[in-house]
């Protein structure tokens, strides 16, 4: 590891330590247990985060599982309050693609009491924690869990899974992961998961989806390109992470969304092929007027 990388790593660790008391009520035991994991003494343990925003979430005590808690409840990585503002006082149907352990879904359901969320998460371990977190927050009537990956066809696919509830689990293509990653190298293995399509997800939604969140480690390209543009007509807001996948590009994906009527209103990227984008449909093009 280079000196610059070490310095950046230390800065990141210091940031997380500082954020923990501001985002979580039980910050002291969290810091203690995370320190133990870094020293090799927390393997196999769990952490329960009591967020100041309300939800309580339980995750494996590993970096890849803890990350979404900090992204949602400390970083506000999707700027949710701002993004949800147009729906204030109105019912909201959300489709969450790549739900992991439920950080986003519980956050949306807490911030917007009239929101209903359909969650898609293919990893068996992550889906188990997702269901547990939905239940322990009393949200089973508003959040449904589907243990599927969204793709361009119904069937099965291989998932590079580390059994740790990680945000970095990812679908595979020709025995290789769509998006390369270095987390949990000693624990990772391929598992067969079920896939379904955007068309089926929309058909199974209790109401036409209006807001879509996507973070599916490279799976976004096949799922989008395998869908019919008209099936996105009800969607007025998208927040998504896109990833570097061989043969794919954000520019092409952005153009597809533009043809479907969804325009980028904000974009953040700190490296080629990886970023977060917010898209909306112009008000005069919306089916609900």
C-alpha atoms as a PDB file:
ATOM      1  CA  UNK A   1       0.000   0.000   0.000  1.00  0.00           C
ATOM      2  CA  UNK A   2       1.438   3.368  -1.021  1.00  0.00           C
ATOM      3  CA  UNK A   3       1.901   6.218   1.441  1.00  0.00           C
ATOM      4  CA  UNK A   4      -0.844   8.191  -0.300  1.00  0.00           C
ATOM      5  CA  UNK A   5      -3.237   5.249  -0.039  1.00  0.00           C
ATOM      6  CA  UNK A   6      -2.437   4.805   3.652  1.00  0.00           C
ATOM      7  CA  UNK A   7      -3.058   8.481   4.310  1.00  0.00           C
ATOM      8  CA  UNK A   8      -6.376   8.348   2.453  1.00  0.00           C
ATOM      9  CA  UNK A   9      -7.382   5.241   4.409  1.00  0.00           C
ATOM     10  CA  UNK A  10      -6.598   6.977   7.715  1.00  0.00           C
ATOM     11  CA  UNK A  11      -8.599  10.021   6.680  1.00  0.00           C
ATOM     12  CA  UNK A  12     -11.559   7.807   5.830  1.00  0.00           C
ATOM     13  CA  UNK A  13     -11.329   6.002   9.173  1.00  0.00           C
ATOM     14  CA  UNK A  14     -11.161   9.316  11.044  1.00  0.00           C
ATOM     15  CA  UNK A  15     -14.212  10.551   9.160  1.00  0.00           C
ATOM     16  CA  UNK A  16     -16.224   7.480  10.137  1.00  0.00           C
ATOM     17  CA  UNK A  17     -15.195   7.768  13.774  1.00  0.00           C
ATOM     18  CA  UNK A  18     -16.364  11.384  13.793  1.00  0.00           C
ATOM     19  CA  UNK A  19     -19.658  10.557  12.083  1.00  0.00           C
ATOM     20  CA  UNK A  20     -20.595   7.708  14.409  1.00  0.00           C
ATOM     21  CA  UNK A  21     -21.714   9.820  17.431  1.00  0.00           C
ATOM     22  CA  UNK A  22     -23.641  12.152  15.123  1.00  0.00           C
ATOM     23  CA  UNK A  23     -25.548   9.414  13.278  1.00  0.00           C
ATOM     24  CA  UNK A  24     -26.073   6.634  15.838  1.00  0.00           C
ATOM     25  CA  UNK A  25     -27.374   6.678  19.419  1.00  0.00           C
ATOM     26  CA  UNK A  26     -25.313   3.673  20.543  1.00  0.00           C
ATOM     27  CA  UNK A  27     -22.092   5.073  19.099  1.00  0.00           C
ATOM     28  CA  UNK A  28     -19.728   4.001  21.870  1.00  0.00           C
ATOM     29  CA  UNK A  29     -20.326   0.214  21.675  1.00  0.00           C
ATOM     30  CA  UNK A  30     -20.354   0.493  17.877  1.00  0.00           C
ATOM     31  CA  UNK A  31     -16.900   2.057  17.830  1.00  0.00           C
ATOM     32  CA  UNK A  32     -15.637  -0.524  20.282  1.00  0.00           C
ATOM     33  CA  UNK A  33     -16.926  -3.490  18.270  1.00  0.00           C
ATOM     34  CA  UNK A  34     -15.736  -2.090  14.949  1.00  0.00           C
ATOM     35  CA  UNK A  35     -12.272  -1.595  16.428  1.00  0.00           C
ATOM     36  CA  UNK A  36     -12.311  -5.209  17.594  1.00  0.00           C
ATOM     37  CA  UNK A  37     -13.207  -6.361  14.071  1.00  0.00           C
ATOM     38  CA  UNK A  38     -10.299  -4.410  12.606  1.00  0.00           C
ATOM     39  CA  UNK A  39      -8.003  -6.167  15.068  1.00  0.00           C
ATOM     40  CA  UNK A  40      -9.360  -9.569  14.034  1.00  0.00           C
ATOM     41  CA  UNK A  41     -11.483 -10.176  17.134  1.00  0.00           C
ATOM     42  CA  UNK A  42     -14.944  -9.458  15.749  1.00  0.00           C
ATOM     43  CA  UNK A  43     -15.224 -12.136  13.084  1.00  0.00           C
ATOM     44  CA  UNK A  44     -18.696 -13.652  12.914  1.00  0.00           C
ATOM     45  CA  UNK A  45     -20.287 -11.031  15.164  1.00  0.00           C
ATOM     46  CA  UNK A  46     -23.182  -8.683  14.463  1.00  0.00           C
ATOM     47  CA  UNK A  47     -23.757  -5.007  15.077  1.00  0.00           C
ATOM     48  CA  UNK A  48     -27.060  -3.284  15.738  1.00  0.00           C
ATOM     49  CA  UNK A  49     -27.083   0.381  14.709  1.00  0.00           C
ATOM     50  CA  UNK A  50     -29.673   2.556  16.464  1.00  0.00           C
ATOM     51  CA  UNK A  51     -29.905   5.470  14.059  1.00  0.00           C
ATOM     52  CA  UNK A  52     -30.806   8.954  15.243  1.00  0.00           C
ATOM     53  CA  UNK A  53     -33.224   9.080  12.305  1.00  0.00           C
ATOM     54  CA  UNK A  54     -35.296   6.291  13.869  1.00  0.00           C
ATOM     55  CA  UNK A  55     -34.616   2.889  12.258  1.00  0.00           C
ATOM     56  CA  UNK A  56     -32.620   0.191  14.041  1.00  0.00           C
ATOM     57  CA  UNK A  57     -30.629  -2.067  11.732  1.00  0.00           C
ATOM     58  CA  UNK A  58     -28.646  -5.221  12.416  1.00  0.00           C
ATOM     59  CA  UNK A  59     -25.747  -6.193  10.142  1.00  0.00           C
ATOM     60  CA  UNK A  60     -22.699  -8.453  10.126  1.00  0.00           C
ATOM     61  CA  UNK A  61     -19.703  -6.682  11.657  1.00  0.00           C
ATOM     62  CA  UNK A  62     -17.801  -6.384   8.378  1.00  0.00           C
ATOM     63  CA  UNK A  63     -16.927  -3.232   6.408  1.00  0.00           C
ATOM     64  CA  UNK A  64     -19.030  -4.061   3.335  1.00  0.00           C
ATOM     65  CA  UNK A  65     -22.170  -4.463   5.448  1.00  0.00           C
ATOM     66  CA  UNK A  66     -21.556  -1.412   7.630  1.00  0.00           C
ATOM     67  CA  UNK A  67     -20.926   0.859   4.635  1.00  0.00           C
ATOM     68  CA  UNK A  68     -24.573   1.426   3.583  1.00  0.00           C
ATOM     69  CA  UNK A  69     -25.481   2.475   7.135  1.00  0.00           C
ATOM     70  CA  UNK A  70     -22.968   5.296   6.944  1.00  0.00           C
ATOM     71  CA  UNK A  71     -23.888   6.176   3.365  1.00  0.00           C
ATOM     72  CA  UNK A  72     -27.569   6.550   4.252  1.00  0.00           C
ATOM     73  CA  UNK A  73     -27.556   7.862   7.811  1.00  0.00           C
ATOM     74  CA  UNK A  74     -24.279   9.798   7.962  1.00  0.00           C
ATOM     75  CA  UNK A  75     -23.418  10.849   4.388  1.00  0.00           C
ATOM     76  CA  UNK A  76     -26.987  11.216   3.041  1.00  0.00           C
ATOM     77  CA  UNK A  77     -25.452   9.887  -0.172  1.00  0.00           C
ATOM     78  CA  UNK A  78     -28.716  10.100  -2.143  1.00  0.00           C
ATOM     79  CA  UNK A  79     -29.855  13.484  -0.734  1.00  0.00           C
ATOM     80  CA  UNK A  80     -33.144  11.831   0.096  1.00  0.00           C
ATOM     81  CA  UNK A  81     -34.946  14.693   1.820  1.00  0.00           C
ATOM     82  CA  UNK A  82     -34.388  16.870  -1.213  1.00  0.00           C
ATOM     83  CA  UNK A  83     -35.297  14.079  -3.629  1.00  0.00           C
ATOM     84  CA  UNK A  84     -38.467  13.131  -1.735  1.00  0.00           C
ATOM     85  CA  UNK A  85     -39.725  16.704  -1.407  1.00  0.00           C
ATOM     86  CA  UNK A  86     -41.985  16.582  -4.530  1.00  0.00           C
ATOM     87  CA  UNK A  87     -43.892  13.641  -3.017  1.00  0.00           C
ATOM     88  CA  UNK A  88     -44.632  15.256   0.353  1.00  0.00           C
ATOM     89  CA  UNK A  89     -48.177  14.497   1.461  1.00  0.00           C
ATOM     90  CA  UNK A  90     -48.730  12.026  -1.385  1.00  0.00           C
ATOM     91  CA  UNK A  91     -48.581   8.224  -1.638  1.00  0.00           C
ATOM     92  CA  UNK A  92     -45.266   7.058  -3.086  1.00  0.00           C
ATOM     93  CA  UNK A  93     -44.382   3.732  -4.694  1.00  0.00           C
ATOM     94  CA  UNK A  94     -40.646   2.950  -4.603  1.00  0.00           C
ATOM     95  CA  UNK A  95     -38.686   0.226  -6.370  1.00  0.00           C
ATOM     96  CA  UNK A  96     -35.350  -0.496  -4.639  1.00  0.00           C
ATOM     97  CA  UNK A  97     -32.954  -2.474  -6.851  1.00  0.00           C
ATOM     98  CA  UNK A  98     -30.046  -3.834  -4.852  1.00  0.00           C
ATOM     99  CA  UNK A  99     -31.550  -3.452  -1.391  1.00  0.00           C
ATOM    100  CA  UNK A 100     -28.691  -5.060   0.557  1.00  0.00           C
ATOM    101  CA  UNK A 101     -29.634  -5.088   4.262  1.00  0.00           C
ATOM    102  CA  UNK A 102     -32.344  -2.423   4.028  1.00  0.00           C
ATOM    103  CA  UNK A 103     -30.595   0.873   4.782  1.00  0.00           C
ATOM    104  CA  UNK A 104     -32.246   2.736   1.910  1.00  0.00           C
ATOM    105  CA  UNK A 105     -35.672   1.114   2.235  1.00  0.00           C
ATOM    106  CA  UNK A 106     -35.991   1.823   5.959  1.00  0.00           C
ATOM    107  CA  UNK A 107     -34.704   5.356   5.460  1.00  0.00           C
ATOM    108  CA  UNK A 108     -37.295   6.118   2.766  1.00  0.00           C
ATOM    109  CA  UNK A 109     -40.103   4.539   4.764  1.00  0.00           C
ATOM    110  CA  UNK A 110     -39.176   6.640   7.798  1.00  0.00           C
ATOM    111  CA  UNK A 111     -38.785   9.913   5.918  1.00  0.00           C
ATOM    112  CA  UNK A 112     -41.970   9.388   3.891  1.00  0.00           C
ATOM    113  CA  UNK A 113     -44.766   7.740   5.941  1.00  0.00           C
ATOM    114  CA  UNK A 114     -46.877   7.191   2.813  1.00  0.00           C
ATOM    115  CA  UNK A 115     -44.148   5.335   0.926  1.00  0.00           C
ATOM    116  CA  UNK A 116     -44.333   1.676  -0.015  1.00  0.00           C
ATOM    117  CA  UNK A 117     -41.128  -0.036  -1.101  1.00  0.00           C
ATOM    118  CA  UNK A 118     -40.554  -3.117  -3.259  1.00  0.00           C
ATOM    119  CA  UNK A 119     -37.049  -4.451  -2.493  1.00  0.00           C
ATOM    120  CA  UNK A 120     -35.007  -6.646  -4.838  1.00  0.00           C
ATOM    121  CA  UNK A 121     -31.965  -8.347  -3.309  1.00  0.00           C
ATOM    122  CA  UNK A 122     -30.505 -11.602  -4.716  1.00  0.00           C
ATOM    123  CA  UNK A 123     -27.928 -12.476  -2.023  1.00  0.00           C
ATOM    124  CA  UNK A 124     -29.455 -15.018   0.390  1.00  0.00           C
ATOM    125  CA  UNK A 125     -27.491 -13.638   3.345  1.00  0.00           C
ATOM    126  CA  UNK A 126     -28.238  -9.998   2.561  1.00  0.00           C
ATOM    127  CA  UNK A 127     -31.920 -10.809   1.988  1.00  0.00           C
ATOM    128  CA  UNK A 128     -32.046 -12.535   5.370  1.00  0.00           C
ATOM    129  CA  UNK A 129     -30.793  -9.387   7.102  1.00  0.00           C
ATOM    130  CA  UNK A 130     -33.082  -7.263   4.940  1.00  0.00           C
ATOM    131  CA  UNK A 131     -36.161  -9.185   6.104  1.00  0.00           C
ATOM    132  CA  UNK A 132     -34.956  -9.044   9.701  1.00  0.00           C
ATOM    133  CA  UNK A 133     -34.475  -5.276   9.558  1.00  0.00           C
ATOM    134  CA  UNK A 134     -37.850  -4.709   7.936  1.00  0.00           C
ATOM    135  CA  UNK A 135     -39.495  -6.777  10.675  1.00  0.00           C
ATOM    136  CA  UNK A 136     -37.683  -5.236  13.626  1.00  0.00           C
ATOM    137  CA  UNK A 137     -38.708  -1.775  12.448  1.00  0.00           C
ATOM    138  CA  UNK A 138     -42.365  -2.755  12.096  1.00  0.00           C
ATOM    139  CA  UNK A 139     -42.409  -2.092   8.347  1.00  0.00           C
ATOM    140  CA  UNK A 140     -43.641  -5.401   6.919  1.00  0.00           C
ATOM    141  CA  UNK A 141     -46.871  -3.729   5.784  1.00  0.00           C
ATOM    142  CA  UNK A 142     -44.961  -1.171   3.702  1.00  0.00           C
ATOM    143  CA  UNK A 143     -41.780  -2.930   2.564  1.00  0.00           C
ATOM    144  CA  UNK A 144     -41.818  -6.185   0.594  1.00  0.00           C
ATOM    145  CA  UNK A 145     -38.717  -8.269  -0.057  1.00  0.00           C
ATOM    146  CA  UNK A 146     -38.121 -10.142  -3.326  1.00  0.00           C
ATOM    147  CA  UNK A 147     -35.073 -12.407  -3.327  1.00  0.00           C
ATOM    148  CA  UNK A 148     -34.215 -11.829  -6.985  1.00  0.00           C
ATOM    149  CA  UNK A 149     -31.691  -9.960  -9.107  1.00  0.00           C
ATOM    150  CA  UNK A 150     -33.234  -7.764 -11.753  1.00  0.00           C
ATOM    151  CA  UNK A 151     -31.785  -8.683 -15.154  1.00  0.00           C
ATOM    152  CA  UNK A 152     -32.729  -8.918 -18.830  1.00  0.00           C
ATOM    153  CA  UNK A 153     -34.351 -12.352 -18.495  1.00  0.00           C
ATOM    154  CA  UNK A 154     -36.051 -14.595 -15.977  1.00  0.00           C
ATOM    155  CA  UNK A 155     -33.982 -17.531 -14.805  1.00  0.00           C
ATOM    156  CA  UNK A 156     -30.808 -17.822 -12.765  1.00  0.00           C
ATOM    157  CA  UNK A 157     -27.381 -16.208 -12.622  1.00  0.00           C
ATOM    158  CA  UNK A 158     -24.187 -16.521 -10.619  1.00  0.00           C
ATOM    159  CA  UNK A 159     -23.577 -14.013  -7.837  1.00  0.00           C
ATOM    160  CA  UNK A 160     -20.168 -13.369  -6.316  1.00  0.00           C
ATOM    161  CA  UNK A 161     -21.270 -13.433  -2.680  1.00  0.00           C
ATOM    162  CA  UNK A 162     -19.237 -13.138   0.517  1.00  0.00           C
ATOM    163  CA  UNK A 163     -21.926 -14.143   3.038  1.00  0.00           C
ATOM    164  CA  UNK A 164     -21.418 -10.836   4.801  1.00  0.00           C
ATOM    165  CA  UNK A 165     -24.368  -8.708   3.759  1.00  0.00           C
ATOM    166  CA  UNK A 166     -21.984  -6.680   1.630  1.00  0.00           C
ATOM    167  CA  UNK A 167     -22.918  -3.890  -0.759  1.00  0.00           C
ATOM    168  CA  UNK A 168     -20.134  -5.197  -2.994  1.00  0.00           C
ATOM    169  CA  UNK A 169     -21.652  -8.572  -3.875  1.00  0.00           C
ATOM    170  CA  UNK A 170     -22.104  -8.669  -7.633  1.00  0.00           C
ATOM    171  CA  UNK A 171     -23.416 -10.635 -10.570  1.00  0.00           C
ATOM    172  CA  UNK A 172     -20.956 -12.577 -12.696  1.00  0.00           C
ATOM    173  CA  UNK A 173     -20.454 -12.972 -16.422  1.00  0.00           C
ATOM    174  CA  UNK A 174     -18.386 -15.815 -17.931  1.00  0.00           C
ATOM    175  CA  UNK A 175     -16.990 -16.764 -14.500  1.00  0.00           C
ATOM    176  CA  UNK A 176     -15.896 -13.202 -13.790  1.00  0.00           C
ATOM    177  CA  UNK A 177     -17.537 -10.579 -11.644  1.00  0.00           C
ATOM    178  CA  UNK A 178     -19.144  -7.728 -13.601  1.00  0.00           C
ATOM    179  CA  UNK A 179     -17.491  -5.183 -11.293  1.00  0.00           C
ATOM    180  CA  UNK A 180     -14.113  -5.999  -9.817  1.00  0.00           C
ATOM    181  CA  UNK A 181     -13.735  -5.723  -6.055  1.00  0.00           C
ATOM    182  CA  UNK A 182     -11.176  -6.486  -3.396  1.00  0.00           C
ATOM    183  CA  UNK A 183     -13.411  -6.889  -0.351  1.00  0.00           C
ATOM    184  CA  UNK A 184     -13.610 -10.212   1.506  1.00  0.00           C
ATOM    185  CA  UNK A 185     -11.402 -12.071  -0.974  1.00  0.00           C
ATOM    186  CA  UNK A 186     -10.998 -15.078   1.336  1.00  0.00           C
ATOM    187  CA  UNK A 187     -14.760 -15.427   1.917  1.00  0.00           C
ATOM    188  CA  UNK A 188     -16.157 -14.891  -1.564  1.00  0.00           C
ATOM    189  CA  UNK A 189     -17.780 -17.651  -3.568  1.00  0.00           C
ATOM    190  CA  UNK A 190     -20.294 -17.978  -6.386  1.00  0.00           C
ATOM    191  CA  UNK A 191     -23.892 -18.804  -5.575  1.00  0.00           C
ATOM    192  CA  UNK A 192     -26.761 -19.322  -7.981  1.00  0.00           C
ATOM    193  CA  UNK A 193     -29.528 -16.752  -7.584  1.00  0.00           C
ATOM    194  CA  UNK A 194     -32.859 -16.180  -9.252  1.00  0.00           C
ATOM    195  CA  UNK A 195     -33.330 -13.400 -11.783  1.00  0.00           C
ATOM    196  CA  UNK A 196     -36.409 -11.569 -12.941  1.00  0.00           C
ATOM    197  CA  UNK A 197     -37.106  -8.670 -15.266  1.00  0.00           C
ATOM    198  CA  UNK A 198     -38.095  -5.043 -14.960  1.00  0.00           C
ATOM    199  CA  UNK A 199     -41.409  -5.912 -16.638  1.00  0.00           C
ATOM    200  CA  UNK A 200     -42.201  -8.499 -13.976  1.00  0.00           C
ATOM    201  CA  UNK A 201     -41.135  -6.179 -11.155  1.00  0.00           C
ATOM    202  CA  UNK A 202     -43.421  -3.423 -12.444  1.00  0.00           C
ATOM    203  CA  UNK A 203     -46.291  -5.877 -12.887  1.00  0.00           C
ATOM    204  CA  UNK A 204     -45.890  -7.156  -9.312  1.00  0.00           C
ATOM    205  CA  UNK A 205     -45.682  -3.700  -7.762  1.00  0.00           C
ATOM    206  CA  UNK A 206     -48.863  -2.726  -5.851  1.00  0.00           C
ATOM    207  CA  UNK A 207     -48.865   0.568  -7.776  1.00  0.00           C
ATOM    208  CA  UNK A 208     -46.831   1.897 -10.706  1.00  0.00           C
ATOM    209  CA  UNK A 209     -43.359   2.795  -9.389  1.00  0.00           C
ATOM    210  CA  UNK A 210     -42.627   6.514  -9.168  1.00  0.00           C
ATOM    211  CA  UNK A 211     -39.190   6.513  -7.559  1.00  0.00           C
ATOM    212  CA  UNK A 212     -36.452   4.015  -8.406  1.00  0.00           C
ATOM    213  CA  UNK A 213     -33.172   3.489  -6.596  1.00  0.00           C
ATOM    214  CA  UNK A 214     -30.535   1.300  -8.261  1.00  0.00           C
ATOM    215  CA  UNK A 215     -27.277   0.054  -6.781  1.00  0.00           C
ATOM    216  CA  UNK A 216     -26.702  -3.399  -8.244  1.00  0.00           C
ATOM    217  CA  UNK A 217     -22.952  -3.526  -8.914  1.00  0.00           C
ATOM    218  CA  UNK A 218     -22.993  -3.466 -12.716  1.00  0.00           C
ATOM    219  CA  UNK A 219     -26.331  -5.202 -13.186  1.00  0.00           C
ATOM    220  CA  UNK A 220     -27.927  -1.877 -14.074  1.00  0.00           C
ATOM    221  CA  UNK A 221     -26.985  -2.121 -17.748  1.00  0.00           C
ATOM    222  CA  UNK A 222     -28.670  -5.446 -18.543  1.00  0.00           C
ATOM    223  CA  UNK A 223     -31.736  -4.648 -16.479  1.00  0.00           C
ATOM    224  CA  UNK A 224     -32.283  -1.274 -18.164  1.00  0.00           C
ATOM    225  CA  UNK A 225     -31.449  -2.303 -21.735  1.00  0.00           C
ATOM    226  CA  UNK A 226     -33.609  -5.408 -21.345  1.00  0.00           C
ATOM    227  CA  UNK A 227     -36.656  -3.322 -20.458  1.00  0.00           C
ATOM    228  CA  UNK A 228     -39.142  -1.530 -22.668  1.00  0.00           C
ATOM    229  CA  UNK A 229     -38.945   2.275 -22.319  1.00  0.00           C
ATOM    230  CA  UNK A 230     -42.715   2.572 -21.913  1.00  0.00           C
ATOM    231  CA  UNK A 231     -42.502   0.486 -18.729  1.00  0.00           C
ATOM    232  CA  UNK A 232     -40.697   3.444 -17.170  1.00  0.00           C
ATOM    233  CA  UNK A 233     -43.511   5.894 -17.938  1.00  0.00           C
ATOM    234  CA  UNK A 234     -44.712   6.064 -14.326  1.00  0.00           C
ATOM    235  CA  UNK A 235     -41.194   6.688 -12.996  1.00  0.00           C
ATOM    236  CA  UNK A 236     -40.546  10.371 -12.309  1.00  0.00           C
ATOM    237  CA  UNK A 237     -37.393  10.100 -10.165  1.00  0.00           C
ATOM    238  CA  UNK A 238     -34.355   7.808 -10.325  1.00  0.00           C
ATOM    239  CA  UNK A 239     -31.289   7.822  -8.102  1.00  0.00           C
ATOM    240  CA  UNK A 240     -28.661   5.303  -9.096  1.00  0.00           C
ATOM    241  CA  UNK A 241     -25.065   4.238  -8.863  1.00  0.00           C
ATOM    242  CA  UNK A 242     -23.442   3.131 -12.087  1.00  0.00           C
ATOM    243  CA  UNK A 243     -20.326   0.987 -12.227  1.00  0.00           C
ATOM    244  CA  UNK A 244     -17.420   0.235 -14.553  1.00  0.00           C
ATOM    245  CA  UNK A 245     -18.362  -2.813 -16.638  1.00  0.00           C
ATOM    246  CA  UNK A 246     -16.412  -3.902 -19.689  1.00  0.00           C
ATOM    247  CA  UNK A 247     -18.225  -2.904 -22.878  1.00  0.00           C
ATOM    248  CA  UNK A 248     -20.640  -0.561 -21.085  1.00  0.00           C
ATOM    249  CA  UNK A 249     -20.632   3.175 -20.461  1.00  0.00           C
ATOM    250  CA  UNK A 250     -22.509   5.771 -18.459  1.00  0.00           C
ATOM    251  CA  UNK A 251     -22.864   7.911 -21.583  1.00  0.00           C
ATOM    252  CA  UNK A 252     -24.835   5.208 -23.380  1.00  0.00           C
ATOM    253  CA  UNK A 253     -26.986   4.509 -20.315  1.00  0.00           C
ATOM    254  CA  UNK A 254     -27.665   8.206 -19.857  1.00  0.00           C
ATOM    255  CA  UNK A 255     -28.764   8.464 -23.490  1.00  0.00           C
ATOM    256  CA  UNK A 256     -31.158   5.520 -23.022  1.00  0.00           C
ATOM    257  CA  UNK A 257     -32.784   7.238 -20.071  1.00  0.00           C
ATOM    258  CA  UNK A 258     -33.013  10.501 -22.006  1.00  0.00           C
ATOM    259  CA  UNK A 259     -34.886   8.696 -24.791  1.00  0.00           C
ATOM    260  CA  UNK A 260     -37.218   7.301 -22.100  1.00  0.00           C
ATOM    261  CA  UNK A 261     -37.902  10.852 -20.865  1.00  0.00           C
ATOM    262  CA  UNK A 262     -35.670  10.887 -17.765  1.00  0.00           C
ATOM    263  CA  UNK A 263     -33.126  13.681 -17.587  1.00  0.00           C
ATOM    264  CA  UNK A 264     -30.042  13.919 -15.378  1.00  0.00           C
ATOM    265  CA  UNK A 265     -30.403  16.734 -12.831  1.00  0.00           C
ATOM    266  CA  UNK A 266     -27.342  15.928 -10.735  1.00  0.00           C
ATOM    267  CA  UNK A 267     -24.261  13.812 -11.288  1.00  0.00           C
ATOM    268  CA  UNK A 268     -21.292  12.969  -9.048  1.00  0.00           C
ATOM    269  CA  UNK A 269     -18.253  10.919 -10.055  1.00  0.00           C
ATOM    270  CA  UNK A 270     -14.741  10.673  -8.657  1.00  0.00           C
ATOM    271  CA  UNK A 271     -13.375   8.028 -11.024  1.00  0.00           C
ATOM    272  CA  UNK A 272     -14.039   6.853 -14.595  1.00  0.00           C
ATOM    273  CA  UNK A 273     -17.053   4.602 -14.987  1.00  0.00           C
ATOM    274  CA  UNK A 274     -18.249   4.993 -11.382  1.00  0.00           C
ATOM    275  CA  UNK A 275     -20.689   7.565 -10.109  1.00  0.00           C
ATOM    276  CA  UNK A 276     -24.094   8.517  -8.751  1.00  0.00           C
ATOM    277  CA  UNK A 277     -26.793  10.131 -10.869  1.00  0.00           C
ATOM    278  CA  UNK A 278     -30.152  11.709 -10.096  1.00  0.00           C
ATOM    279  CA  UNK A 279     -32.707  11.767 -12.909  1.00  0.00           C
ATOM    280  CA  UNK A 280     -36.191  13.237 -13.130  1.00  0.00           C
ATOM    281  CA  UNK A 281     -38.976  13.392 -15.674  1.00  0.00           C
ATOM    282  CA  UNK A 282     -40.038  16.924 -16.702  1.00  0.00           C
ATOM    283  CA  UNK A 283     -43.354  17.799 -15.055  1.00  0.00           C
ATOM    284  CA  UNK A 284     -45.147  18.299 -18.376  1.00  0.00           C
ATOM    285  CA  UNK A 285     -44.193  14.759 -19.460  1.00  0.00           C
ATOM    286  CA  UNK A 286     -45.542  12.985 -16.383  1.00  0.00           C
ATOM    287  CA  UNK A 287     -48.527  10.692 -16.695  1.00  0.00           C
ATOM    288  CA  UNK A 288     -49.959  11.957 -13.402  1.00  0.00           C
ATOM    289  CA  UNK A 289     -49.827  15.531 -14.702  1.00  0.00           C
END
